[in-house]
Amino acid sequence: YADGSSAAGFFGTDTITVNLTNGRKGKLQNLTIGCTQSMANGVSFTEDTGGILGLGLAKDSFVEKA
């Protein structure tokens, strides 16, 4: 990451179905879902940590899929 930290873990892709405000359902296809197993030189995860949502503009970010 930009702050010099790094994460190790694994990820895969899935299709997520969400409820839209107009009552319809939408699909986010090929959404990357990951599980961090360890962090170095940055934030440490605990059982209280909810996770990280990728908001960059890379092809695997949530922003590109939404």
PDB file of N, CA and C in Angstrom:
ATOM      1  N   TYR A   1       0.829  -1.179   0.000  1.00  0.00           N
ATOM      2  CA  TYR A   1       0.000   0.000   0.000  1.00  0.00           C
ATOM      3  C   TYR A   1       0.878   1.249   0.000  1.00  0.00           C
ATOM      4  N   ALA A   2       0.260   2.417  -0.231  1.00  0.00           N
ATOM      5  CA  ALA A   2       0.994   3.684  -0.315  1.00  0.00           C
ATOM      6  C   ALA A   2       1.732   4.020   0.979  1.00  0.00           C
ATOM      7  N   ASP A   3       1.240   3.535   2.117  1.00  0.00           N
ATOM      8  CA  ASP A   3       1.879   3.848   3.400  1.00  0.00           C
ATOM      9  C   ASP A   3       3.036   2.904   3.728  1.00  0.00           C
ATOM     10  N   GLY A   4       3.354   1.975   2.820  1.00  0.00           N
ATOM     11  CA  GLY A   4       4.451   1.039   3.054  1.00  0.00           C
ATOM     12  C   GLY A   4       4.017  -0.266   3.690  1.00  0.00           C
ATOM     13  N   SER A   5       2.745  -0.403   4.044  1.00  0.00           N
ATOM     14  CA  SER A   5       2.263  -1.646   4.624  1.00  0.00           C
ATOM     15  C   SER A   5       1.963  -2.653   3.526  1.00  0.00           C
ATOM     16  N   SER A   6       1.762  -3.891   3.921  1.00  0.00           N
ATOM     17  CA  SER A   6       1.401  -4.924   2.960  1.00  0.00           C
ATOM     18  C   SER A   6       0.475  -5.931   3.623  1.00  0.00           C
ATOM     19  N   ALA A   7      -0.240  -6.683   2.803  1.00  0.00           N
ATOM     20  CA  ALA A   7      -1.161  -7.696   3.296  1.00  0.00           C
ATOM     21  C   ALA A   7      -0.911  -8.994   2.552  1.00  0.00           C
ATOM     22  N   ALA A   8      -1.105 -10.100   3.242  1.00  0.00           N
ATOM     23  CA  ALA A   8      -0.996 -11.415   2.615  1.00  0.00           C
ATOM     24  C   ALA A   8      -2.271 -12.188   2.904  1.00  0.00           C
ATOM     25  N   GLY A   9      -2.727 -12.932   1.934  1.00  0.00           N
ATOM     26  CA  GLY A   9      -3.943 -13.722   2.104  1.00  0.00           C
ATOM     27  C   GLY A   9      -4.338 -14.342   0.788  1.00  0.00           C
ATOM     28  N   PHE A  10      -5.619 -14.508   0.579  1.00  0.00           N
ATOM     29  CA  PHE A  10      -6.093 -15.098  -0.661  1.00  0.00           C
ATOM     30  C   PHE A  10      -7.383 -14.409  -1.084  1.00  0.00           C
ATOM     31  N   PHE A  11      -7.733 -14.548  -2.363  1.00  0.00           N
ATOM     32  CA  PHE A  11      -8.983 -13.987  -2.843  1.00  0.00           C
ATOM     33  C   PHE A  11      -9.536 -14.810  -3.988  1.00  0.00           C
ATOM     34  N   GLY A  12     -10.794 -14.603  -4.234  1.00  0.00           N
ATOM     35  CA  GLY A  12     -11.485 -15.266  -5.330  1.00  0.00           C
ATOM     36  C   GLY A  12     -12.542 -14.318  -5.865  1.00  0.00           C
ATOM     37  N   THR A  13     -13.315 -14.763  -6.822  1.00  0.00           N
ATOM     38  CA  THR A  13     -14.374 -13.928  -7.376  1.00  0.00           C
ATOM     39  C   THR A  13     -15.712 -14.629  -7.229  1.00  0.00           C
ATOM     40  N   ASP A  14     -16.770 -13.817  -7.154  1.00  0.00           N
ATOM     41  CA  ASP A  14     -18.118 -14.343  -7.025  1.00  0.00           C
ATOM     42  C   ASP A  14     -19.085 -13.317  -7.597  1.00  0.00           C
ATOM     43  N   THR A  15     -20.323 -13.713  -7.793  1.00  0.00           N
ATOM     44  CA  THR A  15     -21.376 -12.795  -8.202  1.00  0.00           C
ATOM     45  C   THR A  15     -22.242 -12.515  -6.985  1.00  0.00           C
ATOM     46  N   ILE A  16     -22.426 -11.247  -6.672  1.00  0.00           N
ATOM     47  CA  ILE A  16     -23.204 -10.831  -5.513  1.00  0.00           C
ATOM     48  C   ILE A  16     -24.505 -10.202  -6.001  1.00  0.00           C
ATOM     49  N   THR A  17     -25.626 -10.592  -5.412  1.00  0.00           N
ATOM     50  CA  THR A  17     -26.920 -10.003  -5.739  1.00  0.00           C
ATOM     51  C   THR A  17     -27.293  -9.026  -4.632  1.00  0.00           C
ATOM     52  N   VAL A  18     -27.687  -7.809  -5.027  1.00  0.00           N
ATOM     53  CA  VAL A  18     -28.038  -6.769  -4.063  1.00  0.00           C
ATOM     54  C   VAL A  18     -29.443  -6.248  -4.361  1.00  0.00           C
ATOM     55  N   ASN A  19     -30.126  -5.782  -3.317  1.00  0.00           N
ATOM     56  CA  ASN A  19     -31.429  -5.153  -3.480  1.00  0.00           C
ATOM     57  C   ASN A  19     -31.222  -3.682  -3.823  1.00  0.00           C
ATOM     58  N   LEU A  20     -31.857  -3.213  -4.891  1.00  0.00           N
ATOM     59  CA  LEU A  20     -31.749  -1.817  -5.318  1.00  0.00           C
ATOM     60  C   LEU A  20     -32.873  -0.990  -4.712  1.00  0.00           C
ATOM     61  N   THR A  21     -32.697   0.310  -4.675  1.00  0.00           N
ATOM     62  CA  THR A  21     -33.699   1.187  -4.074  1.00  0.00           C
ATOM     63  C   THR A  21     -35.011   1.208  -4.849  1.00  0.00           C
ATOM     64  N   ASN A  22     -34.988   0.797  -6.116  1.00  0.00           N
ATOM     65  CA  ASN A  22     -36.218   0.764  -6.909  1.00  0.00           C
ATOM     66  C   ASN A  22     -36.969  -0.562  -6.763  1.00  0.00           C
ATOM     67  N   GLY A  23     -36.522  -1.425  -5.825  1.00  0.00           N
ATOM     68  CA  GLY A  23     -37.180  -2.692  -5.583  1.00  0.00           C
ATOM     69  C   GLY A  23     -36.659  -3.846  -6.425  1.00  0.00           C
ATOM     70  N   ARG A  24     -35.875  -3.554  -7.419  1.00  0.00           N
ATOM     71  CA  ARG A  24     -35.308  -4.600  -8.270  1.00  0.00           C
ATOM     72  C   ARG A  24     -34.041  -5.159  -7.636  1.00  0.00           C
ATOM     73  N   LYS A  25     -33.516  -6.211  -8.221  1.00  0.00           N
ATOM     74  CA  LYS A  25     -32.254  -6.794  -7.768  1.00  0.00           C
ATOM     75  C   LYS A  25     -31.184  -6.521  -8.813  1.00  0.00           C
ATOM     76  N   GLY A  26     -29.985  -6.239  -8.354  1.00  0.00           N
ATOM     77  CA  GLY A  26     -28.855  -6.027  -9.244  1.00  0.00           C
ATOM     78  C   GLY A  26     -27.779  -7.056  -8.959  1.00  0.00           C
ATOM     79  N   LYS A  27     -26.967  -7.329  -9.962  1.00  0.00           N
ATOM     80  CA  LYS A  27     -25.867  -8.286  -9.794  1.00  0.00           C
ATOM     81  C   LYS A  27     -24.534  -7.597 -10.018  1.00  0.00           C
ATOM     82  N   LEU A  28     -23.616  -7.836  -9.097  1.00  0.00           N
ATOM     83  CA  LEU A  28     -22.235  -7.396  -9.246  1.00  0.00           C
ATOM     84  C   LEU A  28     -21.455  -8.646  -9.624  1.00  0.00           C
ATOM     85  N   GLN A  29     -21.126  -8.764 -10.905  1.00  0.00           N
ATOM     86  CA  GLN A  29     -20.483  -9.973 -11.386  1.00  0.00           C
ATOM     87  C   GLN A  29     -18.961  -9.884 -11.276  1.00  0.00           C
ATOM     88  N   ASN A  30     -18.356 -11.027 -11.025  1.00  0.00           N
ATOM     89  CA  ASN A  30     -16.898 -11.135 -10.889  1.00  0.00           C
ATOM     90  C   ASN A  30     -16.336 -10.191  -9.835  1.00  0.00           C
ATOM     91  N   LEU A  31     -17.060 -10.040  -8.732  1.00  0.00           N
ATOM     92  CA  LEU A  31     -16.598  -9.206  -7.625  1.00  0.00           C
ATOM     93  C   LEU A  31     -15.503  -9.947  -6.876  1.00  0.00           C
ATOM     94  N   THR A  32     -14.385  -9.289  -6.658  1.00  0.00           N
ATOM     95  CA  THR A  32     -13.267  -9.903  -5.945  1.00  0.00           C
ATOM     96  C   THR A  32     -13.519  -9.840  -4.441  1.00  0.00           C
ATOM     97  N   ILE A  33     -13.421 -10.998  -3.799  1.00  0.00           N
ATOM     98  CA  ILE A  33     -13.613 -11.107  -2.354  1.00  0.00           C
ATOM     99  C   ILE A  33     -12.339 -11.707  -1.788  1.00  0.00           C
ATOM    100  N   GLY A  34     -11.782 -11.055  -0.760  1.00  0.00           N
ATOM    101  CA  GLY A  34     -10.518 -11.529  -0.219  1.00  0.00           C
ATOM    102  C   GLY A  34     -10.556 -11.769   1.274  1.00  0.00           C
ATOM    103  N   CYS A  35      -9.587 -12.500   1.730  1.00  0.00           N
ATOM    104  CA  CYS A  35      -9.415 -12.779   3.148  1.00  0.00           C
ATOM    105  C   CYS A  35      -7.953 -12.528   3.508  1.00  0.00           C
ATOM    106  N   THR A  36      -7.713 -11.511   4.316  1.00  0.00           N
ATOM    107  CA  THR A  36      -6.353 -11.188   4.740  1.00  0.00           C
ATOM    108  C   THR A  36      -5.961 -12.103   5.891  1.00  0.00           C
ATOM    109  N   GLN A  37      -4.819 -12.728   5.764  1.00  0.00           N
ATOM    110  CA  GLN A  37      -4.320 -13.601   6.819  1.00  0.00           C
ATOM    111  C   GLN A  37      -3.273 -12.922   7.682  1.00  0.00           C
ATOM    112  N   SER A  38      -2.550 -11.940   7.122  1.00  0.00           N
ATOM    113  CA  SER A  38      -1.544 -11.228   7.916  1.00  0.00           C
ATOM    114  C   SER A  38      -1.265  -9.860   7.301  1.00  0.00           C
ATOM    115  N   MET A  39      -0.832  -8.939   8.144  1.00  0.00           N
ATOM    116  CA  MET A  39      -0.473  -7.585   7.724  1.00  0.00           C
ATOM    117  C   MET A  39       0.951  -7.294   8.196  1.00  0.00           C
ATOM    118  N   ALA A  40       1.650  -6.451   7.445  1.00  0.00           N
ATOM    119  CA  ALA A  40       2.998  -6.031   7.843  1.00  0.00           C
ATOM    120  C   ALA A  40       3.104  -4.516   7.735  1.00  0.00           C
ATOM    121  N   ASN A  41       3.697  -3.894   8.740  1.00  0.00           N
ATOM    122  CA  ASN A  41       3.998  -2.457   8.750  1.00  0.00           C
ATOM    123  C   ASN A  41       2.769  -1.563   8.626  1.00  0.00           C
ATOM    124  N   GLY A  42       1.674  -1.957   9.210  1.00  0.00           N
ATOM    125  CA  GLY A  42       0.475  -1.120   9.111  1.00  0.00           C
ATOM    126  C   GLY A  42      -0.583  -1.542  10.097  1.00  0.00           C
ATOM    127  N   VAL A  43      -1.808  -1.401   9.703  1.00  0.00           N
ATOM    128  CA  VAL A  43      -2.950  -1.747  10.540  1.00  0.00           C
ATOM    129  C   VAL A  43      -2.916  -3.232  10.868  1.00  0.00           C
ATOM    130  N   SER A  44      -3.255  -3.569  12.096  1.00  0.00           N
ATOM    131  CA  SER A  44      -3.375  -4.984  12.438  1.00  0.00           C
ATOM    132  C   SER A  44      -4.858  -5.318  12.605  1.00  0.00           C
ATOM    133  N   PHE A  45      -5.225  -6.492  12.176  1.00  0.00           N
ATOM    134  CA  PHE A  45      -6.611  -6.921  12.239  1.00  0.00           C
ATOM    135  C   PHE A  45      -6.873  -7.666  13.532  1.00  0.00           C
ATOM    136  N   THR A  46      -8.048  -7.423  14.101  1.00  0.00           N
ATOM    137  CA  THR A  46      -8.496  -8.144  15.290  1.00  0.00           C
ATOM    138  C   THR A  46      -9.895  -8.677  15.000  1.00  0.00           C
ATOM    139  N   GLU A  47     -10.476  -9.345  15.965  1.00  0.00           N
ATOM    140  CA  GLU A  47     -11.829  -9.866  15.769  1.00  0.00           C
ATOM    141  C   GLU A  47     -12.854  -8.743  15.624  1.00  0.00           C
ATOM    142  N   ASP A  48     -12.495  -7.518  16.011  1.00  0.00           N
ATOM    143  CA  ASP A  48     -13.401  -6.375  15.886  1.00  0.00           C
ATOM    144  C   ASP A  48     -13.318  -5.692  14.522  1.00  0.00           C
ATOM    145  N   THR A  49     -12.339  -6.067  13.716  1.00  0.00           N
ATOM    146  CA  THR A  49     -12.149  -5.431  12.416  1.00  0.00           C
ATOM    147  C   THR A  49     -13.167  -5.969  11.427  1.00  0.00           C
ATOM    148  N   GLY A  50     -13.846  -5.055  10.736  1.00  0.00           N
ATOM    149  CA  GLY A  50     -14.865  -5.465   9.779  1.00  0.00           C
ATOM    150  C   GLY A  50     -14.305  -5.840   8.428  1.00  0.00           C
ATOM    151  N   GLY A  51     -13.142  -5.312   8.059  1.00  0.00           N
ATOM    152  CA  GLY A  51     -12.549  -5.617   6.771  1.00  0.00           C
ATOM    153  C   GLY A  51     -12.188  -4.366   6.007  1.00  0.00           C
ATOM    154  N   ILE A  52     -11.748  -4.563   4.793  1.00  0.00           N
ATOM    155  CA  ILE A  52     -11.332  -3.458   3.927  1.00  0.00           C
ATOM    156  C   ILE A  52     -12.129  -3.547   2.636  1.00  0.00           C
ATOM    157  N   LEU A  53     -12.594  -2.418   2.177  1.00  0.00           N
ATOM    158  CA  LEU A  53     -13.319  -2.340   0.915  1.00  0.00           C
ATOM    159  C   LEU A  53     -12.443  -1.585  -0.068  1.00  0.00           C
ATOM    160  N   GLY A  54     -12.071  -2.230  -1.180  1.00  0.00           N
ATOM    161  CA  GLY A  54     -11.192  -1.611  -2.171  1.00  0.00           C
ATOM    162  C   GLY A  54     -11.917  -0.542  -2.968  1.00  0.00           C
ATOM    163  N   LEU A  55     -11.549   0.713  -2.765  1.00  0.00           N
ATOM    164  CA  LEU A  55     -12.209   1.823  -3.441  1.00  0.00           C
ATOM    165  C   LEU A  55     -11.332   2.471  -4.501  1.00  0.00           C
ATOM    166  N   GLY A  56     -10.264   1.803  -4.903  1.00  0.00           N
ATOM    167  CA  GLY A  56      -9.409   2.334  -5.959  1.00  0.00           C
ATOM    168  C   GLY A  56     -10.061   2.171  -7.327  1.00  0.00           C
ATOM    169  N   LEU A  57      -9.324   2.467  -8.348  1.00  0.00           N
ATOM    170  CA  LEU A  57      -9.857   2.378  -9.699  1.00  0.00           C
ATOM    171  C   LEU A  57      -9.313   1.185 -10.478  1.00  0.00           C
ATOM    172  N   ALA A  58      -8.664   0.262  -9.783  1.00  0.00           N
ATOM    173  CA  ALA A  58      -8.134  -0.931 -10.442  1.00  0.00           C
ATOM    174  C   ALA A  58      -9.282  -1.868 -10.827  1.00  0.00           C
ATOM    175  N   LYS A  59      -9.017  -2.807 -11.708  1.00  0.00           N
ATOM    176  CA  LYS A  59     -10.063  -3.704 -12.205  1.00  0.00           C
ATOM    177  C   LYS A  59     -10.690  -4.563 -11.114  1.00  0.00           C
ATOM    178  N   ASP A  60     -10.006  -4.774  -9.999  1.00  0.00           N
ATOM    179  CA  ASP A  60     -10.539  -5.602  -8.910  1.00  0.00           C
ATOM    180  C   ASP A  60     -11.228  -4.802  -7.815  1.00  0.00           C
ATOM    181  N   SER A  61     -11.326  -3.484  -7.966  1.00  0.00           N
ATOM    182  CA  SER A  61     -11.924  -2.674  -6.907  1.00  0.00           C
ATOM    183  C   SER A  61     -13.443  -2.727  -6.935  1.00  0.00           C
ATOM    184  N   PHE A  62     -14.046  -2.469  -5.803  1.00  0.00           N
ATOM    185  CA  PHE A  62     -15.507  -2.428  -5.702  1.00  0.00           C
ATOM    186  C   PHE A  62     -16.072  -1.330  -6.592  1.00  0.00           C
ATOM    187  N   VAL A  63     -15.371  -0.204  -6.691  1.00  0.00           N
ATOM    188  CA  VAL A  63     -15.822   0.939  -7.491  1.00  0.00           C
ATOM    189  C   VAL A  63     -16.007   0.543  -8.951  1.00  0.00           C
ATOM    190  N   GLU A  64     -15.111  -0.256  -9.473  1.00  0.00           N
ATOM    191  CA  GLU A  64     -15.205  -0.666 -10.875  1.00  0.00           C
ATOM    192  C   GLU A  64     -16.351  -1.634 -11.135  1.00  0.00           C
ATOM    193  N   LYS A  65     -16.825  -2.327 -10.103  1.00  0.00           N
ATOM    194  CA  LYS A  65     -17.903  -3.305 -10.262  1.00  0.00           C
ATOM    195  C   LYS A  65     -19.279  -2.719  -9.988  1.00  0.00           C
ATOM    196  N   ALA A  66     -19.334  -1.672  -9.181  1.00  0.00           N
ATOM    197  CA  ALA A  66     -20.636  -1.101  -8.781  1.00  0.00           C
ATOM    198  C   ALA A  66     -21.255  -0.265  -9.864  1.00  0.00           C
TER     199      ALA A  66
END
